[in-house]
Amino acid sequence: MEQLKAYFEENKERYLNELLDLLRIPSVSADSAYSGDVAKTAEFVAQKLKDAGAENIEICPTAGHPIVYGEKIIDPALPTVLVYGHYDVQPPDPLDLWESGPFEPVIKNTERHPQGAIYARGACDDKGQMYMHVKAFENMQANNALPCNIKFMIEGEEEVGSENLEPFLRERAEQLACDVILISDTSMIANDVPSITVGLRGLSYIEVEVTGPNRDLHSGTYGGAVGNPINVLSKMIASLQDENNHITIPGFYDDVEVVSAEERKAMNEAPFSIDQYKKDLEIGDVRGEAGYTTLERTSIRPTLDVNGMWGGYTGEGAKTVLPSKAYAKISMRLVPNQDSHKITELFTKHFESIAPESVQVKVTPHHGGEPVVTPTDGIEYQSAAKAYQATFGKTPIPQRAGGSIPIVALFEDVLGVKTVMMGFGLDSDAIHSPNEHFGIFNYYKGIETIPYFYKYFTEAKQS
């Protein structure tokens, strides 16, 4: 590994500049106005894989945005690792809350990132973390230190539900065959407290539309006599949780996994400061389901949140209108044993049932995914743990995460292998928010740690 360290030191400034170039391309998959930029990003990733030494590189078209594939097969008898990542990013809105341009990356020193952090949309989720793998591969390839076969599958639709990934997987299952899948799209506890994600929540994402009168009305002439869709929608949403923040949809909790008291106790022994948590978010207090801690609420309990709500007049000044329609986007994070399709059906049935006759309701499911828990006693996790131990000097803590990566369950179903989630971001990196950032320490530490995983996993498979 010494030759890798020397090569890294010689090239780390270039690694950083390449990432900055990648971050300058606005690959927003949710907005068709950025389709050209998404395609440009796929070309960038494909070229960098080629430059790093990958072969059989393809920019694979789908019904949506393309998937970039590349591989390096040094010996079919050796183990194969499939690296998954995504090059698309969330929309940057609201733009006025960014301290610098979302696609004009800048480096700033912060309390958590004294060595500097890159501020840009996609810095942590997932361009920075995905690109660590490209550079780690370059290090190994340049130094003839690749211990196993590597395949790359980098997609452009993760932020919109990976709708076209499943048909791609099923169509190319033989080409994608591997022994383990490696993902860096999660976080760790702190730069001095490494952790490995062993659980993810599932997701049911829904849009609702409430329609009242057949047109916008004058709120003086009709107000008080006609149902206002925004008022109605607000009350309907408010009724979805009770005074204990318990979700009121009938049957919602029927399949929720009951986590043992022992596991809950261990979970709450992870380093965590509620005062620092509140300080970081600039909130007076936390809020959530009664009877659970903050760590439990964000990992082992399901949730229901409004992600966006609109209707009527939202421009400058006043317009006294009673709107015809109101909308909301709602996401539900799910825990083991819950099924996203079932939850979507339960939500739809309940939401339609609580609508007053003064309005009509339309529920449109967008995308979803299943929760997953990965074992800690297999060679996949153990190899990752040894890799963190080698570079951080500490044994990583297994941790369930609150986010969702729906394709993890899909990978196991289609390819029949386990996934290791080696995340190097921090929860405070503001992913999906204005001023998203990723520490330079974290970027470099990922490039340093990933080769150790290949080394230990190959040794374990061959022993």
Protein backbone atom coordinates (compact mmCIF):
# COMPACT_ATOMS: atom_id res chain seq x y z
CA MET A 1 0.00 0.00 0.00
CA GLU A 2 2.98 2.34 0.33
CA GLN A 3 3.18 2.89 -3.43
CA LEU A 4 -0.50 3.89 -3.42
CA LYS A 5 0.18 6.54 -0.77
CA ALA A 6 3.07 7.97 -2.78
CA TYR A 7 1.01 8.10 -5.99
CA PHE A 8 -1.88 9.68 -4.10
CA GLU A 9 0.33 12.44 -2.67
CA GLU A 10 1.65 13.21 -6.15
CA ASN A 11 -1.85 13.44 -7.67
CA LYS A 12 -4.22 14.58 -4.92
CA GLU A 13 -4.38 18.18 -6.16
CA ARG A 14 -5.42 16.90 -9.60
CA TYR A 15 -8.00 14.63 -7.95
CA LEU A 16 -9.52 17.65 -6.25
CA ASN A 17 -9.54 19.78 -9.41
CA GLU A 18 -11.20 17.00 -11.38
CA LEU A 19 -13.97 16.77 -8.79
CA LEU A 20 -14.47 20.54 -8.98
CA ASP A 21 -14.85 20.24 -12.76
CA LEU A 22 -17.43 17.49 -12.30
CA LEU A 23 -19.37 19.61 -9.80
CA ARG A 24 -19.56 22.51 -12.26
CA ILE A 25 -21.86 20.49 -14.55
CA PRO A 26 -25.50 20.94 -13.39
CA SER A 27 -26.71 17.34 -13.76
CA VAL A 28 -30.20 17.84 -12.29
CA SER A 29 -32.14 14.74 -13.31
CA ALA A 30 -35.55 16.00 -12.15
CA ASP A 31 -35.67 18.95 -14.54
CA SER A 32 -35.74 18.34 -18.30
CA ALA A 33 -34.09 21.72 -18.84
CA TYR A 34 -30.86 20.11 -17.61
CA SER A 35 -31.02 17.01 -19.85
CA GLY A 36 -28.06 18.14 -21.92
CA ASP A 37 -25.99 18.68 -18.79
CA VAL A 38 -26.93 15.25 -17.47
CA ALA A 39 -25.71 13.70 -20.73
CA LYS A 40 -22.53 15.79 -20.53
CA THR A 41 -21.88 14.48 -17.02
CA ALA A 42 -22.25 10.88 -18.19
CA GLU A 43 -19.61 11.59 -20.84
CA PHE A 44 -17.32 13.12 -18.22
CA VAL A 45 -17.60 10.05 -15.96
CA ALA A 46 -17.04 7.66 -18.88
CA GLN A 47 -13.91 9.54 -19.96
CA LYS A 48 -12.48 9.58 -16.44
CA LEU A 49 -13.08 5.84 -16.09
CA LYS A 50 -11.19 5.34 -19.35
CA ASP A 51 -8.37 7.61 -18.20
CA ALA A 52 -8.13 5.61 -14.96
CA GLY A 53 -7.68 2.35 -16.87
CA ALA A 54 -11.17 0.86 -17.11
CA GLU A 55 -12.17 -1.06 -20.22
CA ASN A 56 -15.35 -1.90 -22.17
CA ILE A 57 -16.78 1.48 -21.23
CA GLU A 58 -20.32 2.20 -22.35
CA ILE A 59 -22.73 5.08 -21.99
CA CYS A 60 -25.85 2.95 -21.92
CA PRO A 61 -29.08 4.66 -23.01
CA THR A 62 -32.27 4.06 -21.03
CA ALA A 63 -35.80 5.40 -21.31
CA GLY A 64 -34.49 8.26 -19.16
CA HIS A 65 -30.93 9.29 -18.41
CA PRO A 66 -27.98 7.04 -19.34
CA ILE A 67 -26.04 4.61 -17.17
CA VAL A 68 -22.25 4.59 -17.40
CA TYR A 69 -20.61 1.16 -17.34
CA GLY A 70 -16.94 0.21 -17.22
CA GLU A 71 -14.86 -2.69 -15.95
CA LYS A 72 -11.41 -4.07 -15.34
CA ILE A 73 -11.30 -7.87 -15.40
CA ILE A 74 -7.79 -8.98 -14.50
CA ASP A 75 -8.66 -12.65 -13.91
CA PRO A 76 -12.14 -14.25 -14.13
CA ALA A 77 -11.11 -16.59 -11.30
CA LEU A 78 -10.72 -13.66 -8.89
CA PRO A 79 -13.59 -12.05 -6.93
CA THR A 80 -15.50 -9.23 -8.61
CA VAL A 81 -16.67 -6.02 -6.92
CA LEU A 82 -19.44 -3.98 -8.55
CA VAL A 83 -19.21 -0.28 -7.67
CA TYR A 84 -22.52 1.60 -7.80
CA GLY A 85 -22.89 5.37 -7.68
CA HIS A 86 -24.89 8.15 -9.28
CA TYR A 87 -23.85 11.28 -11.12
CA ASP A 88 -27.21 13.09 -11.03
CA VAL A 89 -28.00 15.66 -8.35
CA GLN A 90 -30.95 17.24 -6.59
CA PRO A 91 -32.37 20.56 -7.86
CA PRO A 92 -30.50 23.48 -6.25
CA ASP A 93 -33.60 25.40 -5.12
CA PRO A 94 -34.05 27.64 -3.21
CA LEU A 95 -31.22 29.50 -4.89
CA ASP A 96 -31.37 32.56 -2.62
CA LEU A 97 -30.28 30.47 0.37
CA TRP A 98 -26.96 29.45 -1.20
CA GLU A 99 -23.94 31.37 0.05
CA SER A 100 -22.20 30.67 -3.26
CA GLY A 101 -23.38 29.36 -6.62
CA PRO A 102 -24.60 25.74 -6.40
CA PHE A 103 -22.62 24.85 -9.54
CA GLU A 104 -19.70 27.14 -8.82
CA PRO A 105 -17.78 25.05 -6.26
CA VAL A 106 -15.81 26.89 -3.61
CA ILE A 107 -13.70 25.61 -0.71
CA LYS A 108 -14.30 26.95 2.79
CA ASN A 109 -12.87 26.06 6.17
CA THR A 110 -15.47 25.16 8.79
CA GLU A 111 -15.55 23.92 12.38
CA ARG A 112 -16.26 20.37 11.22
CA HIS A 113 -14.00 20.61 8.19
CA PRO A 114 -10.85 22.53 9.25
CA GLN A 115 -9.01 21.16 6.20
CA GLY A 116 -11.67 22.65 3.96
CA ALA A 117 -15.01 21.61 2.51
CA ILE A 118 -16.23 21.82 -1.08
CA TYR A 119 -19.52 23.73 -1.33
CA ALA A 120 -21.59 22.72 -4.38
CA ARG A 121 -24.68 20.75 -5.28
CA GLY A 122 -23.71 17.08 -5.47
CA ALA A 123 -20.45 17.56 -3.54
CA CYS A 124 -21.40 14.83 -1.07
CA ASP A 125 -24.48 13.33 -2.73
CA ASP A 126 -23.10 11.66 -4.70
CA LYS A 127 -20.52 13.07 -7.08
CA GLY A 128 -17.79 13.44 -4.47
CA GLN A 129 -18.37 10.01 -2.99
CA MET A 130 -18.79 8.34 -6.37
CA TYR A 131 -15.62 9.96 -7.71
CA MET A 132 -13.60 8.61 -4.76
CA HIS A 133 -14.03 5.18 -6.33
CA VAL A 134 -12.79 6.31 -9.73
CA LYS A 135 -9.65 7.79 -8.16
CA ALA A 136 -9.08 4.81 -5.83
CA PHE A 137 -9.27 2.59 -8.90
CA GLU A 138 -6.79 4.83 -10.74
CA ASN A 139 -4.39 4.53 -7.79
CA MET A 140 -4.54 0.74 -7.82
CA GLN A 141 -4.39 0.44 -11.60
CA ALA A 142 -1.45 2.82 -11.96
CA ASN A 143 0.53 0.87 -9.37
CA ASN A 144 -0.38 -2.62 -10.56
CA ALA A 145 -2.05 -3.16 -7.19
CA LEU A 146 -5.54 -4.24 -8.23
CA PRO A 147 -6.26 -7.44 -6.27
CA CYS A 148 -9.59 -8.33 -7.91
CA ASN A 149 -11.95 -7.51 -10.77
CA ILE A 150 -13.92 -4.27 -10.67
CA LYS A 151 -17.08 -3.24 -12.48
CA PHE A 152 -18.60 0.24 -12.39
CA MET A 153 -22.27 1.10 -12.83
CA ILE A 154 -22.88 4.84 -12.41
CA GLU A 155 -26.45 5.97 -13.07
CA GLY A 156 -28.14 9.31 -13.72
CA GLU A 157 -31.57 8.85 -12.16
CA GLU A 158 -31.04 8.05 -8.47
CA GLU A 159 -32.51 11.37 -7.37
CA VAL A 160 -35.73 10.66 -9.29
CA GLY A 161 -36.24 7.08 -8.17
CA SER A 162 -33.97 5.01 -10.47
CA GLU A 163 -37.00 4.06 -12.54
CA ASN A 164 -34.96 2.62 -15.40
CA LEU A 165 -32.37 0.80 -13.32
CA GLU A 166 -34.36 -2.39 -12.72
CA PRO A 167 -34.88 -3.21 -16.41
CA PHE A 168 -31.20 -2.45 -17.01
CA LEU A 169 -30.20 -4.82 -14.18
CA ARG A 170 -32.44 -7.63 -15.39
CA GLU A 171 -31.37 -7.22 -19.01
CA ARG A 172 -27.66 -7.20 -18.11
CA ALA A 173 -27.61 -9.48 -15.08
CA GLU A 174 -24.91 -11.69 -16.58
CA GLN A 175 -22.67 -8.73 -17.43
CA LEU A 176 -23.15 -7.29 -13.93
CA ALA A 177 -22.51 -10.57 -12.10
CA CYS A 178 -20.31 -9.97 -9.05
CA ASP A 179 -19.50 -11.11 -5.53
CA VAL A 180 -20.40 -7.91 -3.68
CA ILE A 181 -21.74 -4.44 -4.42
CA LEU A 182 -19.91 -1.42 -3.02
CA ILE A 183 -21.72 1.90 -2.52
CA SER A 184 -20.60 5.23 -1.05
CA ASP A 185 -23.81 7.26 -0.78
CA THR A 186 -24.20 7.35 3.00
CA SER A 187 -22.56 9.09 5.95
CA MET A 188 -20.49 8.31 9.00
CA ILE A 189 -20.85 9.61 12.55
CA ALA A 190 -17.84 11.96 12.56
CA ASN A 191 -14.38 12.31 11.05
CA ASP A 192 -12.92 10.79 14.22
CA VAL A 193 -15.78 8.30 14.72
CA PRO A 194 -15.99 6.12 11.60
CA SER A 195 -19.16 4.10 11.03
CA ILE A 196 -20.61 1.81 8.39
CA THR A 197 -24.26 1.94 7.37
CA VAL A 198 -25.98 -1.41 7.94
CA GLY A 199 -29.61 -0.36 7.54
CA LEU A 200 -31.63 1.92 5.30
CA ARG A 201 -35.25 2.97 5.45
CA GLY A 202 -37.58 2.35 2.54
CA LEU A 203 -39.62 5.03 0.81
CA SER A 204 -43.09 5.79 -0.48
CA TYR A 205 -43.22 9.13 -2.29
CA ILE A 206 -46.59 10.57 -3.24
CA GLU A 207 -48.10 13.71 -4.75
CA VAL A 208 -51.62 14.80 -3.87
CA GLU A 209 -53.90 17.22 -5.68
CA VAL A 210 -57.00 18.74 -4.10
CA THR A 211 -59.51 20.48 -6.38
CA GLY A 212 -62.37 22.70 -5.20
CA PRO A 213 -64.26 25.08 -7.55
CA ASN A 214 -63.73 24.92 -11.29
CA ARG A 215 -61.68 28.14 -11.31
CA ASP A 216 -59.92 30.55 -8.97
CA LEU A 217 -62.49 32.70 -7.18
CA HIS A 218 -62.60 36.15 -5.56
CA SER A 219 -62.01 35.48 -1.88
CA GLY A 220 -64.39 38.28 -0.87
CA THR A 221 -67.29 37.18 -3.04
CA TYR A 222 -66.93 33.44 -2.38
CA GLY A 223 -64.82 33.18 0.79
CA GLY A 224 -66.65 31.41 3.61
CA ALA A 225 -69.10 29.76 1.23
CA VAL A 226 -66.86 27.54 -0.90
CA GLY A 227 -64.27 25.04 0.25
CA ASN A 228 -60.75 26.44 -0.07
CA PRO A 229 -58.49 23.61 -1.34
CA ILE A 230 -55.43 24.94 0.51
CA ASN A 231 -57.34 25.13 3.80
CA VAL A 232 -58.80 21.68 3.24
CA LEU A 233 -55.46 20.15 2.26
CA SER A 234 -53.78 21.68 5.33
CA LYS A 235 -56.34 20.08 7.63
CA MET A 236 -56.13 16.73 5.87
CA ILE A 237 -52.35 16.67 6.19
CA ALA A 238 -52.50 17.77 9.83
CA SER A 239 -54.80 14.84 10.60
CA LEU A 240 -52.23 12.32 9.37
CA GLN A 241 -50.39 12.58 12.71
CA ASP A 242 -51.79 12.76 16.24
CA GLU A 243 -50.60 14.77 19.23
CA ASN A 244 -47.80 12.22 19.82
CA ASN A 245 -46.65 12.48 16.20
CA HIS A 246 -47.93 8.98 15.62
CA ILE A 247 -49.11 8.38 12.03
CA THR A 248 -52.88 7.84 11.93
CA ILE A 249 -53.23 5.92 8.66
CA PRO A 250 -55.02 2.64 9.53
CA GLY A 251 -52.69 -0.34 9.20
CA PHE A 252 -49.56 1.81 8.78
CA TYR A 253 -47.67 0.20 11.68
CA ASP A 254 -48.94 -3.37 11.21
CA ASP A 255 -45.67 -4.70 9.77
CA VAL A 256 -43.16 -2.45 11.54
CA GLU A 257 -40.17 -4.38 12.91
CA VAL A 258 -40.01 -4.38 16.70
CA VAL A 259 -36.41 -3.62 17.65
CA SER A 260 -35.22 -5.27 20.84
CA ALA A 261 -34.43 -3.28 23.97
CA GLU A 262 -30.83 -4.47 23.71
CA GLU A 263 -30.39 -3.13 20.18
CA ARG A 264 -32.06 0.16 21.10
CA LYS A 265 -29.70 0.53 24.05
CA ALA A 266 -26.66 -0.14 21.88
CA MET A 267 -27.92 2.29 19.25
CA ASN A 268 -28.16 5.09 21.79
CA GLU A 269 -24.59 4.52 22.98
CA ALA A 270 -23.27 5.93 19.70
CA PRO A 271 -21.60 9.35 20.11
CA PHE A 272 -24.37 11.96 19.86
CA SER A 273 -24.98 15.37 21.44
CA ILE A 274 -28.57 16.58 21.39
CA ASP A 275 -27.38 20.09 22.26
CA GLN A 276 -24.95 20.14 19.32
CA TYR A 277 -27.69 18.71 17.09
CA LYS A 278 -30.02 21.58 18.00
CA LYS A 279 -27.24 24.11 17.66
CA ASP A 280 -26.33 22.91 14.17
CA LEU A 281 -29.93 23.20 13.01
CA GLU A 282 -30.63 26.40 14.97
CA ILE A 283 -33.77 24.95 16.55
CA GLY A 284 -35.10 25.36 20.07
CA ASP A 285 -36.02 21.71 20.51
CA VAL A 286 -36.44 18.44 18.65
CA ARG A 287 -39.82 16.99 17.75
CA GLY A 288 -40.89 13.49 16.79
CA GLU A 289 -42.76 10.33 17.70
CA ALA A 290 -43.27 10.07 21.45
CA GLY A 291 -41.34 7.34 23.26
CA TYR A 292 -38.28 7.34 21.00
CA THR A 293 -34.94 9.14 21.00
CA THR A 294 -33.68 11.26 18.12
CA LEU A 295 -31.34 8.47 17.00
CA GLU A 296 -34.24 6.01 16.99
CA ARG A 297 -36.63 8.39 15.24
CA THR A 298 -34.17 8.79 12.37
CA SER A 299 -33.38 5.11 11.88
CA ILE A 300 -35.78 2.46 13.24
CA ARG A 301 -39.10 4.34 13.09
CA PRO A 302 -41.19 5.18 10.02
CA THR A 303 -42.08 8.78 9.22
CA LEU A 304 -44.45 10.94 7.19
CA ASP A 305 -43.29 14.35 6.00
CA VAL A 306 -44.57 17.04 3.66
CA ASN A 307 -41.77 17.84 1.21
CA GLY A 308 -43.56 20.64 -0.61
CA MET A 309 -46.96 22.36 -0.65
CA TRP A 310 -48.34 24.95 -3.03
CA GLY A 311 -51.44 26.52 -4.56
CA GLY A 312 -53.07 29.87 -5.15
CA TYR A 313 -51.12 33.11 -5.50
CA THR A 314 -47.48 33.07 -4.35
CA GLY A 315 -46.11 36.09 -6.21
CA GLU A 316 -45.11 39.48 -4.87
CA GLY A 317 -47.78 41.61 -3.25
CA ALA A 318 -51.40 40.59 -2.65
CA LYS A 319 -54.02 38.86 -4.75
CA THR A 320 -57.23 38.01 -2.93
CA VAL A 321 -57.90 34.67 -4.53
CA LEU A 322 -59.65 31.52 -3.39
CA PRO A 323 -57.68 28.93 -5.38
CA SER A 324 -59.16 26.15 -7.45
CA LYS A 325 -56.38 23.69 -6.61
CA ALA A 326 -53.80 22.87 -3.96
CA TYR A 327 -50.92 20.39 -4.09
CA ALA A 328 -48.47 18.65 -1.81
CA LYS A 329 -45.60 16.19 -2.11
CA ILE A 330 -45.41 13.72 0.77
CA SER A 331 -42.74 11.16 1.59
CA MET A 332 -42.96 8.26 4.02
CA ARG A 333 -39.77 6.60 5.22
CA LEU A 334 -40.30 2.93 5.97
CA VAL A 335 -38.56 0.40 8.23
CA PRO A 336 -37.93 -3.35 7.89
CA ASN A 337 -41.00 -5.51 7.11
CA GLN A 338 -42.96 -2.55 5.70
CA ASP A 339 -43.74 -2.80 1.98
CA SER A 340 -43.70 0.41 -0.05
CA HIS A 341 -46.52 -0.70 -2.36
CA LYS A 342 -48.75 -1.62 0.57
CA ILE A 343 -48.03 1.68 2.33
CA THR A 344 -48.83 3.61 -0.85
CA GLU A 345 -52.17 1.81 -1.09
CA LEU A 346 -52.96 2.44 2.58
CA PHE A 347 -52.14 6.12 2.21
CA THR A 348 -54.23 6.50 -0.94
CA LYS A 349 -57.27 4.78 0.56
CA HIS A 350 -57.08 6.79 3.77
CA PHE A 351 -56.42 10.15 2.13
CA GLU A 352 -59.36 9.74 -0.22
CA SER A 353 -61.58 8.70 2.67
CA ILE A 354 -60.91 11.83 4.76
CA ALA A 355 -61.60 14.32 1.96
CA PRO A 356 -64.78 16.40 2.49
CA GLU A 357 -67.36 16.49 -0.29
CA SER A 358 -66.42 20.09 -1.06
CA VAL A 359 -63.27 18.92 -2.85
CA GLN A 360 -61.98 16.17 -5.11
CA VAL A 361 -58.72 14.37 -4.37
CA LYS A 362 -56.17 12.82 -6.72
CA VAL A 363 -53.25 10.77 -5.34
CA THR A 364 -50.29 10.08 -7.66
CA PRO A 365 -47.51 7.72 -6.51
CA HIS A 366 -44.08 8.79 -7.74
CA HIS A 367 -41.45 6.30 -6.61
CA GLY A 368 -40.56 4.07 -3.72
CA GLY A 369 -38.20 1.46 -2.42
CA GLU A 370 -37.88 -1.21 0.22
CA PRO A 371 -36.05 -0.98 3.56
CA VAL A 372 -32.95 -3.09 4.04
CA VAL A 373 -30.71 -4.33 6.86
CA THR A 374 -27.34 -5.85 5.99
CA PRO A 375 -25.56 -8.42 8.20
CA THR A 376 -22.43 -7.51 10.14
CA ASP A 377 -21.09 -11.07 10.44
CA GLY A 378 -20.32 -11.68 6.74
CA ILE A 379 -17.03 -11.14 4.95
CA GLU A 380 -18.49 -8.13 3.12
CA TYR A 381 -18.98 -6.07 6.28
CA GLN A 382 -15.92 -7.47 8.03
CA SER A 383 -13.68 -6.51 5.09
CA ALA A 384 -15.05 -2.96 5.14
CA ALA A 385 -14.55 -2.75 8.91
CA LYS A 386 -10.90 -3.81 8.53
CA ALA A 387 -10.44 -1.17 5.83
CA TYR A 388 -11.66 1.61 8.13
CA GLN A 389 -9.48 0.25 10.92
CA ALA A 390 -6.47 0.47 8.61
CA THR A 391 -6.95 4.14 7.72
CA PHE A 392 -8.80 5.65 10.70
CA GLY A 393 -7.07 3.55 13.36
CA LYS A 394 -10.47 2.81 14.90
CA THR A 395 -13.06 0.05 14.57
CA PRO A 396 -16.12 1.50 12.79
CA ILE A 397 -19.53 1.49 14.45
CA PRO A 398 -22.37 -0.29 12.60
CA GLN A 399 -25.21 2.20 12.20
CA ARG A 400 -28.66 2.27 10.67
CA ALA A 401 -29.32 5.31 8.51
CA GLY A 402 -32.50 7.28 8.05
CA GLY A 403 -32.22 7.72 4.30
CA SER A 404 -33.21 5.44 1.46
CA ILE A 405 -31.27 3.81 -1.36
CA PRO A 406 -34.07 1.77 -2.95
CA ILE A 407 -31.76 -0.09 -5.29
CA VAL A 408 -29.99 -1.97 -2.46
CA ALA A 409 -32.93 -4.35 -2.05
CA LEU A 410 -33.22 -4.53 -5.85
CA PHE A 411 -29.56 -5.54 -6.20
CA GLU A 412 -29.99 -8.47 -3.83
CA ASP A 413 -33.15 -9.57 -5.62
CA VAL A 414 -31.70 -9.43 -9.15
CA LEU A 415 -28.00 -10.12 -8.65
CA GLY A 416 -28.23 -12.21 -5.49
CA VAL A 417 -25.38 -10.51 -3.62
CA LYS A 418 -24.96 -8.34 -0.54
CA THR A 419 -24.15 -4.64 -0.53
CA VAL A 420 -21.57 -2.80 1.57
CA MET A 421 -22.27 0.89 2.20
CA MET A 422 -18.99 2.68 2.89
CA GLY A 423 -20.08 6.29 3.27
CA PHE A 424 -17.61 9.08 4.04
CA GLY A 425 -19.91 12.11 4.28
CA LEU A 426 -21.33 13.62 7.44
CA ASP A 427 -25.00 14.17 8.30
CA SER A 428 -24.17 17.86 8.66
CA ASP A 429 -23.07 18.13 5.00
CA ALA A 430 -26.48 19.54 4.01
CA ILE A 431 -27.28 17.10 1.22
CA HIS A 432 -30.53 18.00 -0.60
CA SER A 433 -30.25 21.46 0.99
CA PRO A 434 -28.70 24.80 0.07
CA ASN A 435 -24.96 24.93 0.82
CA GLU A 436 -24.36 21.20 0.40
CA HIS A 437 -20.71 20.42 1.05
CA PHE A 438 -18.16 17.61 1.37
CA GLY A 439 -14.97 17.70 3.39
CA ILE A 440 -11.65 17.46 1.55
CA PHE A 441 -10.48 15.22 4.41
CA ASN A 442 -13.46 12.93 3.71
CA TYR A 443 -12.84 12.85 -0.04
CA TYR A 444 -9.19 11.96 0.40
CA LYS A 445 -9.89 9.49 3.21
CA GLY A 446 -12.32 7.63 0.98
CA ILE A 447 -9.72 7.33 -1.78
CA GLU A 448 -7.27 6.02 0.80
CA THR A 449 -9.67 3.53 2.44
CA ILE A 450 -11.38 1.93 -0.58
CA PRO A 451 -8.31 -0.02 -1.81
CA TYR A 452 -8.06 -1.71 1.59
CA PHE A 453 -11.59 -3.05 1.12
CA TYR A 454 -10.58 -4.68 -2.16
CA LYS A 455 -7.51 -6.17 -0.50
CA TYR A 456 -9.30 -7.61 2.54
CA PHE A 457 -12.36 -8.79 0.59
CA THR A 458 -10.21 -10.63 -1.95
CA GLU A 459 -8.21 -12.28 0.84
CA ALA A 460 -11.39 -13.34 2.63
CA LYS A 461 -12.93 -14.79 -0.54
CA GLN A 462 -9.81 -16.78 -1.31
CA SER A 463 -9.19 -18.08 2.19
